[in-house]
Structure formats: structure tokens, C-alpha cells
Amino acid sequence: MDTQAEDGFRLLWPLLFLQRTLPGHEYANVELERLILEREAANQNLTTDYLGEDLLASKNPAAQWLRQCVHKSAVDYCQHAGMDYPIDWSLQAWANVNRLGDYHDPHNHPHAYLSGTYYVRVPESRAPLQNRADVRPGCITFYDPRSAVNMNAIKDDPQVEPEFTVSPTPGTILMWPAFVMHFVHPNLSQELRISISFNLIIKQPSRYLPQQ
């Protein structure tokens, strides 16, 4: 989005990021956790099988609730970005069950337009481990896609931080452009960390090509 003020200044290439807490998540998360653990018992590769069955295609009421919330959040995201027209997309979602020591390497989500994660269960405690003081267990970190842009930053420059870290709580939904690299920090708890990741893939993308 290119925004220009009357004094000639403009903001170029901003990155839109969504973080909100879904109302009613307390009840839905109980059922989502049951559904996910039931599926994991039948598929030990559930967390890495992100191209398998779409979790939110389930007829389970909690899954359908989350599916609607994801679509509503995506519509809000696009409208906030200035795309005030219907966009035809498909949704693919999969569960992540992280136990002690589990993490996800830095990665992005090819072939998708928007990506996101919803948090079902987040550990409240840490295992008594001898870790460094700067570890951020269970967090997710996003990296500025403009490589090394922070190298020229000076005091009070908003671009000084090359990364942004979120410490999620149950009910948090995050959404971002799918090309952004992100890293899921290790779970350092004996408790499970359960989330649902998703991609929004635009159907017939040639219909949405901009005039440049």
C-alpha cells in the first residue's frame, strides 16, 4: 500500500500482520484439542502431514467454528489492506502437536497467499532445564523480508528490529503474508503445545493480477 501525506512523505512497502483473540475460544478449544489428539493417535505424522486431510473440513462444530473465524479474519485482513472486493480462495489447515523439545525450523509457505496459526493450547510452565536466559519457549518469531534493512538503522528508527516475536495464548489467531519467514521456538515444557496452522490459496490467481 502506498500512502502519501500532504507534506510529501509516503510509507512504502509496509507488511500487514494480524493478531487477535477469538471470542468463545475457551469452549471451542476443549473440543479442538480432543479432535486433534484423537487424530494424532491414528496418525503419528499428523504435525508434519500438512498436505494431508484439511483439519477444518471436519464436520466437528468446533472445527467449523474455527473455519468461519479464519475466513472472517481473512476478509478483515484484505479489507484493511485496501482490497475491498470478494476473493475466491481455498483453505488448507493442519494441526501441530509440540512436545518437550519440539520446534519448527525457519520457513515460509510457498504457493499460498496468506498463512496463519491458531493456538489451542499453550504451556503455562517450563520444565526445570538448564537453558540460556534468552530462550523464548513456545514463541513464534517473524523476520523482516527486506534482508539487512536494519543495518543502516539509527536511534528511534522503526526499522531497527529485524524480527518480531509473539508469545501466544490460547485463542490467539495470527495471520500474515505467506512469503514471510518465521520460526517456532522449542517447547520447553512437559505440557503439550497445540496449534492449528493454515494457508489461504487464491483460486484462479490470474483473475486477480494487478494493472502495473
N, C-alpha and C. Protein backbone atom coordinates (compact mmCIF):
# COMPACT_ATOMS: atom_id res chain seq x y z
N MET A 1 0.85 -1.20 0.00
CA MET A 1 0.00 0.00 0.00
C MET A 1 0.88 1.24 0.00
N ASP A 2 0.55 2.21 -0.83
CA ASP A 2 1.33 3.44 -0.94
C ASP A 2 0.47 4.56 -0.38
N THR A 3 0.83 5.07 0.78
CA THR A 3 0.08 6.16 1.39
C THR A 3 0.93 7.41 1.40
N GLN A 4 0.38 8.52 0.91
CA GLN A 4 1.13 9.77 0.79
C GLN A 4 0.42 10.88 1.55
N ALA A 5 1.14 11.53 2.43
CA ALA A 5 0.59 12.64 3.18
C ALA A 5 0.70 13.93 2.36
N GLU A 6 0.01 14.98 2.83
CA GLU A 6 0.01 16.24 2.09
C GLU A 6 1.39 16.89 2.07
N ASP A 7 2.24 16.54 3.05
CA ASP A 7 3.57 17.16 3.10
C ASP A 7 4.58 16.43 2.24
N GLY A 8 4.14 15.45 1.47
CA GLY A 8 5.03 14.78 0.54
C GLY A 8 5.62 13.47 1.02
N PHE A 9 5.48 13.17 2.33
CA PHE A 9 6.01 11.91 2.82
C PHE A 9 5.05 10.77 2.50
N ARG A 10 5.62 9.61 2.21
CA ARG A 10 4.80 8.43 1.94
C ARG A 10 5.42 7.22 2.61
N LEU A 11 4.56 6.25 2.94
CA LEU A 11 5.00 5.00 3.55
C LEU A 11 4.96 3.91 2.48
N LEU A 12 6.12 3.32 2.18
CA LEU A 12 6.21 2.31 1.13
C LEU A 12 6.45 0.93 1.71
N TRP A 13 5.89 -0.06 1.08
CA TRP A 13 6.14 -1.47 1.36
C TRP A 13 5.93 -1.88 2.83
N PRO A 14 4.84 -1.50 3.44
CA PRO A 14 4.60 -2.00 4.80
C PRO A 14 4.15 -3.45 4.75
N LEU A 15 4.29 -4.15 5.89
CA LEU A 15 3.89 -5.55 6.00
C LEU A 15 2.71 -5.63 6.96
N LEU A 16 1.57 -6.07 6.48
CA LEU A 16 0.38 -6.14 7.32
C LEU A 16 0.34 -7.46 8.07
N PHE A 17 0.13 -7.37 9.38
CA PHE A 17 0.15 -8.53 10.27
C PHE A 17 -1.09 -8.46 11.16
N LEU A 18 -1.76 -9.58 11.33
CA LEU A 18 -2.97 -9.63 12.16
C LEU A 18 -2.73 -10.48 13.39
N GLN A 19 -3.09 -9.94 14.56
CA GLN A 19 -3.04 -10.69 15.81
C GLN A 19 -4.27 -10.31 16.62
N ARG A 20 -5.12 -11.30 16.90
CA ARG A 20 -6.31 -11.04 17.69
C ARG A 20 -6.67 -12.29 18.49
N THR A 21 -7.51 -12.11 19.49
CA THR A 21 -8.02 -13.24 20.29
C THR A 21 -9.46 -13.48 19.91
N LEU A 22 -9.79 -14.72 19.56
CA LEU A 22 -11.14 -15.04 19.11
C LEU A 22 -12.08 -15.21 20.30
N PRO A 23 -13.20 -14.52 20.31
CA PRO A 23 -14.17 -14.69 21.39
C PRO A 23 -14.80 -16.09 21.33
N GLY A 24 -15.02 -16.68 22.49
CA GLY A 24 -15.61 -18.02 22.55
C GLY A 24 -14.62 -19.14 22.43
N HIS A 25 -13.33 -18.81 22.42
CA HIS A 25 -12.32 -19.85 22.21
C HIS A 25 -12.24 -20.85 23.36
N GLU A 26 -12.62 -20.44 24.56
CA GLU A 26 -12.49 -21.33 25.71
C GLU A 26 -13.26 -22.64 25.50
N TYR A 27 -14.45 -22.52 24.97
CA TYR A 27 -15.28 -23.71 24.76
C TYR A 27 -14.82 -24.49 23.53
N ALA A 28 -14.48 -23.77 22.47
CA ALA A 28 -14.07 -24.44 21.23
C ALA A 28 -12.76 -25.19 21.41
N ASN A 29 -11.85 -24.62 22.19
CA ASN A 29 -10.52 -25.24 22.32
C ASN A 29 -10.56 -26.60 22.99
N VAL A 30 -11.49 -26.79 23.90
CA VAL A 30 -11.63 -28.10 24.55
C VAL A 30 -11.93 -29.17 23.51
N GLU A 31 -12.85 -28.87 22.61
CA GLU A 31 -13.24 -29.83 21.59
C GLU A 31 -12.17 -29.95 20.51
N LEU A 32 -11.52 -28.85 20.16
CA LEU A 32 -10.45 -28.91 19.16
C LEU A 32 -9.29 -29.76 19.66
N GLU A 33 -8.94 -29.63 20.92
CA GLU A 33 -7.85 -30.45 21.48
C GLU A 33 -8.23 -31.92 21.44
N ARG A 34 -9.45 -32.23 21.80
CA ARG A 34 -9.90 -33.63 21.76
C ARG A 34 -9.81 -34.17 20.34
N LEU A 35 -10.28 -33.40 19.37
CA LEU A 35 -10.27 -33.81 17.97
C LEU A 35 -8.85 -34.04 17.47
N ILE A 36 -7.94 -33.12 17.80
CA ILE A 36 -6.57 -33.21 17.32
C ILE A 36 -5.85 -34.41 17.92
N LEU A 37 -5.98 -34.62 19.22
CA LEU A 37 -5.30 -35.75 19.86
C LEU A 37 -5.87 -37.08 19.39
N GLU A 38 -7.13 -37.10 19.08
CA GLU A 38 -7.74 -38.31 18.53
C GLU A 38 -7.15 -38.64 17.16
N ARG A 39 -6.96 -37.60 16.35
CA ARG A 39 -6.38 -37.82 15.02
C ARG A 39 -4.89 -38.15 15.10
N GLU A 40 -4.20 -37.56 16.08
CA GLU A 40 -2.79 -37.87 16.22
C GLU A 40 -2.58 -39.32 16.64
N ALA A 41 -3.50 -39.86 17.45
CA ALA A 41 -3.39 -41.25 17.87
C ALA A 41 -3.47 -42.20 16.67
N ALA A 42 -4.16 -41.75 15.63
CA ALA A 42 -4.30 -42.57 14.43
C ALA A 42 -3.24 -42.25 13.37
N ASN A 43 -2.51 -41.14 13.55
CA ASN A 43 -1.51 -40.72 12.58
C ASN A 43 -0.36 -40.05 13.32
N GLN A 44 0.72 -40.77 13.55
CA GLN A 44 1.84 -40.23 14.30
C GLN A 44 2.55 -39.10 13.56
N ASN A 45 2.33 -38.98 12.26
CA ASN A 45 2.95 -37.92 11.47
C ASN A 45 2.00 -36.74 11.25
N LEU A 46 1.02 -36.61 12.13
CA LEU A 46 0.00 -35.58 11.95
C LEU A 46 0.60 -34.19 11.81
N THR A 47 1.56 -33.85 12.66
CA THR A 47 2.12 -32.49 12.67
C THR A 47 2.87 -32.16 11.39
N THR A 48 3.54 -33.13 10.80
CA THR A 48 4.31 -32.88 9.57
C THR A 48 3.52 -33.17 8.30
N ASP A 49 2.32 -33.67 8.45
CA ASP A 49 1.49 -34.03 7.29
C ASP A 49 0.61 -32.85 6.90
N TYR A 50 1.26 -31.72 6.57
CA TYR A 50 0.49 -30.50 6.33
C TYR A 50 -0.23 -30.50 4.98
N LEU A 51 0.09 -31.45 4.12
CA LEU A 51 -0.61 -31.54 2.84
C LEU A 51 -1.66 -32.63 2.84
N GLY A 52 -1.90 -33.19 4.02
CA GLY A 52 -2.88 -34.26 4.14
C GLY A 52 -4.29 -33.71 4.24
N GLU A 53 -5.10 -34.39 4.99
CA GLU A 53 -6.51 -34.01 5.12
C GLU A 53 -6.64 -32.63 5.78
N ASP A 54 -7.53 -31.80 5.25
CA ASP A 54 -7.78 -30.48 5.80
C ASP A 54 -8.53 -30.61 7.12
N LEU A 55 -7.88 -30.23 8.23
CA LEU A 55 -8.50 -30.38 9.54
C LEU A 55 -9.81 -29.63 9.65
N LEU A 56 -9.88 -28.46 9.06
CA LEU A 56 -11.08 -27.63 9.20
C LEU A 56 -12.18 -27.99 8.22
N ALA A 57 -11.96 -29.05 7.45
CA ALA A 57 -13.05 -29.59 6.62
C ALA A 57 -13.91 -30.55 7.42
N SER A 58 -13.51 -30.84 8.63
CA SER A 58 -14.26 -31.74 9.51
C SER A 58 -15.63 -31.14 9.82
N LYS A 59 -16.62 -32.01 10.00
CA LYS A 59 -17.96 -31.58 10.37
C LYS A 59 -18.07 -31.26 11.86
N ASN A 60 -16.96 -31.46 12.59
CA ASN A 60 -16.95 -31.14 14.01
C ASN A 60 -17.34 -29.68 14.22
N PRO A 61 -18.27 -29.38 15.13
CA PRO A 61 -18.73 -27.99 15.32
C PRO A 61 -17.60 -27.02 15.67
N ALA A 62 -16.63 -27.46 16.48
CA ALA A 62 -15.52 -26.57 16.84
C ALA A 62 -14.65 -26.28 15.63
N ALA A 63 -14.43 -27.28 14.79
CA ALA A 63 -13.65 -27.09 13.57
C ALA A 63 -14.37 -26.13 12.62
N GLN A 64 -15.69 -26.27 12.53
CA GLN A 64 -16.46 -25.37 11.67
C GLN A 64 -16.46 -23.95 12.22
N TRP A 65 -16.50 -23.83 13.54
CA TRP A 65 -16.41 -22.50 14.18
C TRP A 65 -15.10 -21.83 13.81
N LEU A 66 -13.99 -22.58 13.91
CA LEU A 66 -12.69 -22.00 13.60
C LEU A 66 -12.58 -21.69 12.12
N ARG A 67 -13.14 -22.53 11.28
CA ARG A 67 -13.11 -22.27 9.83
C ARG A 67 -13.79 -20.93 9.52
N GLN A 68 -14.92 -20.69 10.15
CA GLN A 68 -15.62 -19.43 9.93
C GLN A 68 -14.80 -18.25 10.46
N CYS A 69 -14.14 -18.45 11.61
CA CYS A 69 -13.32 -17.38 12.18
C CYS A 69 -12.12 -17.05 11.29
N VAL A 70 -11.53 -18.09 10.68
CA VAL A 70 -10.40 -17.86 9.78
C VAL A 70 -10.85 -17.06 8.56
N HIS A 71 -11.97 -17.44 7.98
CA HIS A 71 -12.47 -16.72 6.81
C HIS A 71 -12.82 -15.28 7.17
N LYS A 72 -13.45 -15.08 8.32
CA LYS A 72 -13.81 -13.71 8.74
C LYS A 72 -12.54 -12.88 8.95
N SER A 73 -11.53 -13.47 9.59
CA SER A 73 -10.28 -12.75 9.82
C SER A 73 -9.58 -12.42 8.50
N ALA A 74 -9.65 -13.35 7.54
CA ALA A 74 -9.03 -13.11 6.23
C ALA A 74 -9.74 -11.98 5.48
N VAL A 75 -11.05 -11.94 5.56
CA VAL A 75 -11.81 -10.85 4.94
C VAL A 75 -11.43 -9.52 5.58
N ASP A 76 -11.36 -9.50 6.91
CA ASP A 76 -10.96 -8.28 7.62
C ASP A 76 -9.55 -7.85 7.20
N TYR A 77 -8.66 -8.83 7.08
CA TYR A 77 -7.27 -8.56 6.68
C TYR A 77 -7.25 -7.88 5.31
N CYS A 78 -7.92 -8.46 4.35
CA CYS A 78 -7.91 -7.93 2.99
C CYS A 78 -8.54 -6.54 2.92
N GLN A 79 -9.63 -6.35 3.65
CA GLN A 79 -10.27 -5.04 3.65
C GLN A 79 -9.36 -3.98 4.28
N HIS A 80 -8.67 -4.36 5.35
CA HIS A 80 -7.74 -3.43 5.99
C HIS A 80 -6.59 -3.07 5.06
N ALA A 81 -6.23 -4.02 4.19
CA ALA A 81 -5.14 -3.79 3.23
C ALA A 81 -5.63 -3.00 2.02
N GLY A 82 -6.93 -2.71 1.95
CA GLY A 82 -7.46 -1.93 0.85
C GLY A 82 -8.05 -2.75 -0.28
N MET A 83 -8.11 -4.07 -0.10
CA MET A 83 -8.69 -4.95 -1.14
C MET A 83 -10.16 -5.18 -0.80
N ASP A 84 -11.00 -4.23 -1.17
CA ASP A 84 -12.40 -4.25 -0.78
C ASP A 84 -13.26 -4.91 -1.86
N TYR A 85 -12.93 -6.16 -2.16
CA TYR A 85 -13.70 -6.92 -3.14
C TYR A 85 -13.60 -8.41 -2.78
N PRO A 86 -14.54 -9.23 -3.22
CA PRO A 86 -14.51 -10.66 -2.88
C PRO A 86 -13.30 -11.35 -3.51
N ILE A 87 -12.66 -12.22 -2.75
CA ILE A 87 -11.54 -13.01 -3.24
C ILE A 87 -11.86 -14.48 -3.04
N ASP A 88 -11.73 -15.25 -4.10
CA ASP A 88 -12.05 -16.67 -4.05
C ASP A 88 -10.80 -17.46 -3.66
N TRP A 89 -10.80 -18.06 -2.48
CA TRP A 89 -9.64 -18.81 -2.01
C TRP A 89 -10.06 -20.14 -1.44
N SER A 90 -9.10 -21.03 -1.31
CA SER A 90 -9.33 -22.30 -0.63
C SER A 90 -8.53 -22.30 0.66
N LEU A 91 -9.00 -23.05 1.63
CA LEU A 91 -8.36 -23.09 2.94
C LEU A 91 -7.81 -24.49 3.20
N GLN A 92 -6.56 -24.56 3.62
CA GLN A 92 -5.93 -25.82 3.99
C GLN A 92 -5.37 -25.65 5.40
N ALA A 93 -5.78 -26.53 6.32
CA ALA A 93 -5.36 -26.40 7.72
C ALA A 93 -4.86 -27.74 8.25
N TRP A 94 -3.90 -27.67 9.16
CA TRP A 94 -3.35 -28.88 9.77
C TRP A 94 -2.97 -28.58 11.22
N ALA A 95 -2.93 -29.63 12.02
CA ALA A 95 -2.65 -29.49 13.45
C ALA A 95 -1.17 -29.65 13.74
N ASN A 96 -0.71 -28.97 14.79
CA ASN A 96 0.65 -29.10 15.29
C ASN A 96 0.59 -29.50 16.76
N VAL A 97 1.17 -30.63 17.10
CA VAL A 97 1.27 -31.07 18.48
C VAL A 97 2.74 -31.08 18.85
N ASN A 98 3.16 -30.13 19.66
CA ASN A 98 4.57 -30.00 20.03
C ASN A 98 4.77 -30.45 21.47
N ARG A 99 5.65 -31.44 21.63
CA ARG A 99 6.02 -31.93 22.96
C ARG A 99 7.36 -31.33 23.36
N LEU A 100 7.88 -31.73 24.49
CA LEU A 100 9.13 -31.19 25.01
C LEU A 100 10.24 -31.26 23.95
N GLY A 101 10.80 -30.12 23.61
CA GLY A 101 11.90 -30.05 22.65
C GLY A 101 11.47 -29.86 21.21
N ASP A 102 10.20 -30.01 20.89
CA ASP A 102 9.73 -29.86 19.51
C ASP A 102 9.76 -28.40 19.07
N TYR A 103 10.10 -28.18 17.81
CA TYR A 103 10.14 -26.84 17.23
C TYR A 103 9.93 -26.95 15.74
N HIS A 104 9.85 -25.80 15.05
CA HIS A 104 9.74 -25.77 13.60
C HIS A 104 10.81 -24.83 13.05
N ASP A 105 11.64 -25.35 12.15
CA ASP A 105 12.72 -24.57 11.55
C ASP A 105 12.18 -23.31 10.87
N PRO A 106 13.02 -22.29 10.66
CA PRO A 106 12.60 -21.12 9.88
C PRO A 106 12.10 -21.56 8.50
N HIS A 107 10.94 -21.05 8.12
CA HIS A 107 10.33 -21.46 6.86
C HIS A 107 9.27 -20.44 6.46
N ASN A 108 8.82 -20.54 5.21
CA ASN A 108 7.64 -19.82 4.78
C ASN A 108 6.69 -20.83 4.12
N HIS A 109 5.61 -20.35 3.51
CA HIS A 109 4.60 -21.26 2.99
C HIS A 109 4.39 -21.02 1.49
N PRO A 110 5.16 -21.71 0.64
CA PRO A 110 5.05 -21.50 -0.81
C PRO A 110 3.64 -21.79 -1.34
N HIS A 111 3.29 -21.11 -2.39
CA HIS A 111 2.05 -21.31 -3.15
C HIS A 111 0.81 -20.76 -2.44
N ALA A 112 0.96 -20.24 -1.22
CA ALA A 112 -0.18 -19.65 -0.51
C ALA A 112 -0.10 -18.13 -0.62
N TYR A 113 -1.23 -17.47 -0.37
CA TYR A 113 -1.26 -16.00 -0.35
C TYR A 113 -1.14 -15.50 1.09
N LEU A 114 -1.98 -16.04 1.98
CA LEU A 114 -1.91 -15.72 3.40
C LEU A 114 -1.68 -17.01 4.19
N SER A 115 -0.96 -16.89 5.29
CA SER A 115 -0.78 -18.01 6.21
C SER A 115 -1.16 -17.55 7.61
N GLY A 116 -1.38 -18.52 8.48
CA GLY A 116 -1.75 -18.16 9.84
C GLY A 116 -1.67 -19.34 10.78
N THR A 117 -1.83 -19.05 12.05
CA THR A 117 -1.84 -20.07 13.10
C THR A 117 -2.86 -19.68 14.15
N TYR A 118 -3.55 -20.69 14.66
CA TYR A 118 -4.48 -20.51 15.77
C TYR A 118 -4.01 -21.39 16.92
N TYR A 119 -4.04 -20.85 18.14
CA TYR A 119 -3.48 -21.55 19.30
C TYR A 119 -4.58 -22.17 20.16
N VAL A 120 -4.50 -23.48 20.27
CA VAL A 120 -5.48 -24.25 21.04
C VAL A 120 -5.02 -24.41 22.49
N ARG A 121 -3.76 -24.76 22.65
CA ARG A 121 -3.21 -24.98 24.00
C ARG A 121 -1.77 -24.48 24.04
N VAL A 122 -1.46 -23.68 25.05
CA VAL A 122 -0.12 -23.13 25.22
C VAL A 122 0.35 -23.45 26.63
N PRO A 123 1.52 -24.07 26.80
CA PRO A 123 2.00 -24.43 28.14
C PRO A 123 2.10 -23.22 29.07
N GLU A 124 1.76 -23.45 30.32
CA GLU A 124 1.84 -22.39 31.32
C GLU A 124 3.09 -22.51 32.18
N SER A 125 3.84 -23.59 32.01
CA SER A 125 5.03 -23.79 32.84
C SER A 125 6.18 -24.27 31.97
N ARG A 126 7.39 -24.25 32.54
CA ARG A 126 8.57 -24.75 31.86
C ARG A 126 9.17 -25.89 32.65
N ALA A 127 9.79 -26.82 31.94
CA ALA A 127 10.49 -27.91 32.60
C ALA A 127 11.74 -27.36 33.31
N PRO A 128 12.17 -27.96 34.41
CA PRO A 128 13.37 -27.48 35.12
C PRO A 128 14.65 -27.84 34.38
N LEU A 129 14.89 -27.13 33.27
CA LEU A 129 16.04 -27.39 32.43
C LEU A 129 17.07 -26.28 32.60
N GLN A 130 18.31 -26.59 32.32
CA GLN A 130 19.39 -25.60 32.37
C GLN A 130 19.53 -24.93 31.00
N ASN A 131 18.69 -23.96 30.76
CA ASN A 131 18.68 -23.26 29.48
C ASN A 131 19.31 -21.89 29.59
N ARG A 132 19.65 -21.32 28.44
CA ARG A 132 20.11 -19.94 28.40
C ARG A 132 18.99 -19.00 28.84
N ALA A 133 19.38 -17.84 29.34
CA ALA A 133 18.40 -16.90 29.86
C ALA A 133 17.57 -16.25 28.75
N ASP A 134 18.06 -16.29 27.50
CA ASP A 134 17.37 -15.59 26.43
C ASP A 134 16.46 -16.49 25.59
N VAL A 135 16.22 -17.73 26.01
CA VAL A 135 15.33 -18.60 25.25
C VAL A 135 13.90 -18.08 25.34
N ARG A 136 13.13 -18.36 24.29
CA ARG A 136 11.74 -17.90 24.24
C ARG A 136 10.85 -19.10 23.90
N PRO A 137 10.68 -20.02 24.84
CA PRO A 137 9.96 -21.26 24.55
C PRO A 137 8.52 -21.01 24.13
N GLY A 138 8.11 -21.73 23.08
CA GLY A 138 6.73 -21.66 22.64
C GLY A 138 6.37 -20.43 21.84
N CYS A 139 7.31 -19.49 21.68
CA CYS A 139 7.03 -18.27 20.92
C CYS A 139 7.15 -18.54 19.42
N ILE A 140 6.69 -17.58 18.64
CA ILE A 140 6.88 -17.62 17.19
C ILE A 140 7.50 -16.30 16.77
N THR A 141 8.55 -16.36 15.95
CA THR A 141 9.27 -15.17 15.52
C THR A 141 9.15 -15.00 14.01
N PHE A 142 8.88 -13.77 13.58
CA PHE A 142 8.78 -13.42 12.16
C PHE A 142 9.96 -12.52 11.79
N TYR A 143 10.46 -12.70 10.56
CA TYR A 143 11.66 -12.00 10.13
C TYR A 143 11.34 -11.01 9.00
N ASP A 144 11.93 -9.83 9.11
CA ASP A 144 11.75 -8.79 8.09
C ASP A 144 12.19 -9.35 6.74
N PRO A 145 11.32 -9.37 5.73
CA PRO A 145 11.72 -9.92 4.43
C PRO A 145 12.69 -9.05 3.65
N ARG A 146 12.88 -7.82 4.08
CA ARG A 146 13.83 -6.92 3.42
C ARG A 146 15.20 -7.16 4.03
N SER A 147 15.94 -8.03 3.43
CA SER A 147 17.20 -8.51 4.01
C SER A 147 18.12 -7.37 4.42
N ALA A 148 18.57 -7.42 5.68
CA ALA A 148 19.57 -6.49 6.23
C ALA A 148 19.12 -5.04 6.23
N VAL A 149 17.82 -4.78 6.19
CA VAL A 149 17.35 -3.40 6.17
C VAL A 149 17.72 -2.68 7.47
N ASN A 150 17.91 -3.43 8.55
CA ASN A 150 18.23 -2.83 9.84
C ASN A 150 19.69 -2.37 9.93
N MET A 151 20.51 -2.71 8.94
CA MET A 151 21.94 -2.39 9.03
C MET A 151 22.20 -0.88 9.08
N ASN A 152 21.32 -0.09 8.47
CA ASN A 152 21.51 1.35 8.45
C ASN A 152 20.63 2.08 9.46
N ALA A 153 19.96 1.33 10.35
CA ALA A 153 19.06 1.95 11.32
C ALA A 153 19.85 2.73 12.37
N ILE A 154 19.27 3.86 12.79
CA ILE A 154 19.85 4.66 13.87
C ILE A 154 18.79 4.85 14.95
N LYS A 155 19.13 5.53 16.01
CA LYS A 155 18.25 5.70 17.16
C LYS A 155 16.86 6.17 16.75
N ASP A 156 15.83 5.51 17.29
CA ASP A 156 14.41 5.81 17.05
C ASP A 156 13.95 5.45 15.64
N ASP A 157 14.78 4.80 14.85
CA ASP A 157 14.37 4.30 13.54
C ASP A 157 13.47 3.08 13.76
N PRO A 158 12.24 3.09 13.24
CA PRO A 158 11.33 1.96 13.46
C PRO A 158 11.78 0.66 12.80
N GLN A 159 12.80 0.73 11.94
CA GLN A 159 13.28 -0.46 11.25
C GLN A 159 14.47 -1.11 11.95
N VAL A 160 14.72 -0.76 13.20
CA VAL A 160 15.92 -1.26 13.87
C VAL A 160 15.80 -2.74 14.22
N GLU A 161 14.59 -3.25 14.40
CA GLU A 161 14.40 -4.64 14.77
C GLU A 161 14.16 -5.50 13.54
N PRO A 162 15.03 -6.47 13.25
CA PRO A 162 14.85 -7.31 12.07
C PRO A 162 13.88 -8.47 12.31
N GLU A 163 13.36 -8.59 13.53
CA GLU A 163 12.44 -9.68 13.83
C GLU A 163 11.33 -9.21 14.77
N PHE A 164 10.23 -9.95 14.78
CA PHE A 164 9.09 -9.66 15.64
C PHE A 164 8.63 -10.97 16.26
N THR A 165 8.56 -11.02 17.58
CA THR A 165 8.24 -12.25 18.29
C THR A 165 6.92 -12.12 19.03
N VAL A 166 6.10 -13.15 18.93
CA VAL A 166 4.81 -13.21 19.61
C VAL A 166 4.84 -14.35 20.62
N SER A 167 4.37 -14.06 21.83
CA SER A 167 4.17 -15.10 22.84
C SER A 167 2.68 -15.36 22.92
N PRO A 168 2.19 -16.36 22.21
CA PRO A 168 0.73 -16.53 22.07
C PRO A 168 0.08 -17.09 23.33
N THR A 169 -1.21 -16.92 23.41
CA THR A 169 -2.04 -17.52 24.45
C THR A 169 -3.17 -18.28 23.77
N PRO A 170 -3.83 -19.20 24.47
CA PRO A 170 -4.94 -19.92 23.85
C PRO A 170 -6.00 -18.95 23.31
N GLY A 171 -6.44 -19.20 22.10
CA GLY A 171 -7.42 -18.33 21.47
C GLY A 171 -6.82 -17.30 20.55
N THR A 172 -5.48 -17.17 20.52
CA THR A 172 -4.82 -16.21 19.63
C THR A 172 -4.83 -16.72 18.20
N ILE A 173 -5.18 -15.85 17.27
CA ILE A 173 -5.03 -16.16 15.85
C ILE A 173 -4.09 -15.12 15.24
N LEU A 174 -3.15 -15.62 14.44
CA LEU A 174 -2.19 -14.77 13.73
C LEU A 174 -2.38 -14.98 12.23
N MET A 175 -2.15 -13.94 11.47
CA MET A 175 -2.26 -14.05 10.00
C MET A 175 -1.25 -13.09 9.38
N TRP A 176 -0.58 -13.56 8.31
CA TRP A 176 0.50 -12.78 7.69
C TRP A 176 0.67 -13.21 6.23
N PRO A 177 1.38 -12.42 5.42
CA PRO A 177 1.68 -12.84 4.04
C PRO A 177 2.50 -14.12 4.05
N ALA A 178 2.15 -15.06 3.20
CA ALA A 178 2.73 -16.40 3.27
C ALA A 178 4.22 -16.44 2.96
N PHE A 179 4.76 -15.40 2.32
CA PHE A 179 6.18 -15.42 1.97
C PHE A 179 7.08 -15.10 3.16
N VAL A 180 6.54 -14.63 4.25
CA VAL A 180 7.35 -14.19 5.39
C VAL A 180 7.95 -15.39 6.12
N MET A 181 9.26 -15.35 6.34
CA MET A 181 9.94 -16.40 7.08
C MET A 181 9.60 -16.29 8.56
N HIS A 182 9.38 -17.47 9.20
CA HIS A 182 9.07 -17.48 10.61
C HIS A 182 9.62 -18.74 11.26
N PHE A 183 9.80 -18.67 12.56
CA PHE A 183 10.42 -19.75 13.33
C PHE A 183 9.61 -20.00 14.59
N VAL A 184 9.24 -21.26 14.83
CA VAL A 184 8.52 -21.64 16.04
C VAL A 184 9.54 -22.17 17.05
N HIS A 185 9.70 -21.44 18.13
CA HIS A 185 10.69 -21.78 19.15
C HIS A 185 10.34 -23.11 19.84
N PRO A 186 11.35 -23.80 20.38
CA PRO A 186 11.11 -25.09 21.03
C PRO A 186 10.14 -24.99 22.20
N ASN A 187 9.37 -26.04 22.35
CA ASN A 187 8.54 -26.17 23.55
C ASN A 187 9.43 -26.71 24.67
N LEU A 188 9.60 -25.95 25.73
CA LEU A 188 10.45 -26.37 26.84
C LEU A 188 9.60 -26.73 28.06
N SER A 189 8.46 -27.34 27.79
CA SER A 189 7.54 -27.73 28.85
C SER A 189 7.16 -29.20 28.67
N GLN A 190 6.81 -29.83 29.77
CA GLN A 190 6.25 -31.18 29.70
C GLN A 190 4.81 -31.16 29.21
N GLU A 191 4.21 -29.97 29.19
CA GLU A 191 2.84 -29.82 28.69
C GLU A 191 2.85 -29.74 27.16
N LEU A 192 1.75 -30.13 26.57
CA LEU A 192 1.61 -30.06 25.12
C LEU A 192 1.40 -28.62 24.67
N ARG A 193 1.93 -28.33 23.51
CA ARG A 193 1.63 -27.08 22.82
C ARG A 193 0.90 -27.45 21.55
N ILE A 194 -0.36 -27.04 21.44
CA ILE A 194 -1.21 -27.46 20.32
C ILE A 194 -1.69 -26.23 19.56
N SER A 195 -1.47 -26.25 18.27
CA SER A 195 -1.91 -25.15 17.41
C SER A 195 -2.44 -25.71 16.10
N ILE A 196 -3.10 -24.85 15.36
CA ILE A 196 -3.63 -25.20 14.03
C ILE A 196 -3.10 -24.16 13.05
N SER A 197 -2.31 -24.60 12.10
CA SER A 197 -1.79 -23.71 11.06
C SER A 197 -2.65 -23.82 9.81
N PHE A 198 -2.64 -22.79 9.00
CA PHE A 198 -3.48 -22.80 7.80
C PHE A 198 -2.88 -21.93 6.71
N ASN A 199 -3.25 -22.25 5.49
CA ASN A 199 -2.91 -21.47 4.31
C ASN A 199 -4.18 -21.08 3.57
N LEU A 200 -4.19 -19.89 3.04
CA LEU A 200 -5.24 -19.45 2.13
C LEU A 200 -4.63 -19.34 0.75
N ILE A 201 -5.13 -20.17 -0.18
CA ILE A 201 -4.60 -20.24 -1.54
C ILE A 201 -5.63 -19.65 -2.49
N ILE A 202 -5.23 -18.64 -3.26
CA ILE A 202 -6.14 -17.98 -4.17
C ILE A 202 -6.46 -18.89 -5.35
N LYS A 203 -7.74 -19.05 -5.63
CA LYS A 203 -8.18 -19.83 -6.78
C LYS A 203 -8.13 -18.96 -8.03
N GLN A 204 -7.73 -19.55 -9.14
CA GLN A 204 -7.63 -18.84 -10.41
C GLN A 204 -6.92 -17.49 -10.22
N PRO A 205 -5.65 -17.53 -9.78
CA PRO A 205 -4.95 -16.28 -9.44
C PRO A 205 -4.83 -15.30 -10.59
N SER A 206 -4.92 -15.76 -11.82
CA SER A 206 -4.81 -14.84 -12.95
C SER A 206 -5.95 -13.81 -12.96
N ARG A 207 -7.06 -14.13 -12.30
CA ARG A 207 -8.19 -13.20 -12.24
C ARG A 207 -7.85 -11.98 -11.39
N TYR A 208 -6.84 -12.09 -10.54
CA TYR A 208 -6.54 -11.03 -9.58
C TYR A 208 -5.22 -10.32 -9.89
N LEU A 209 -4.69 -10.51 -11.07
CA LEU A 209 -3.44 -9.85 -11.42
C LEU A 209 -3.65 -8.33 -11.47
N PRO A 210 -2.75 -7.57 -10.83
CA PRO A 210 -2.93 -6.11 -10.82
C PRO A 210 -2.50 -5.48 -12.14
N GLN A 211 -3.01 -4.28 -12.36
CA GLN A 211 -2.58 -3.48 -13.51
C GLN A 211 -1.33 -2.71 -13.09
N GLN A 212 -0.19 -3.02 -13.73
CA GLN A 212 1.06 -2.39 -13.35
C GLN A 212 1.68 -1.62 -14.51
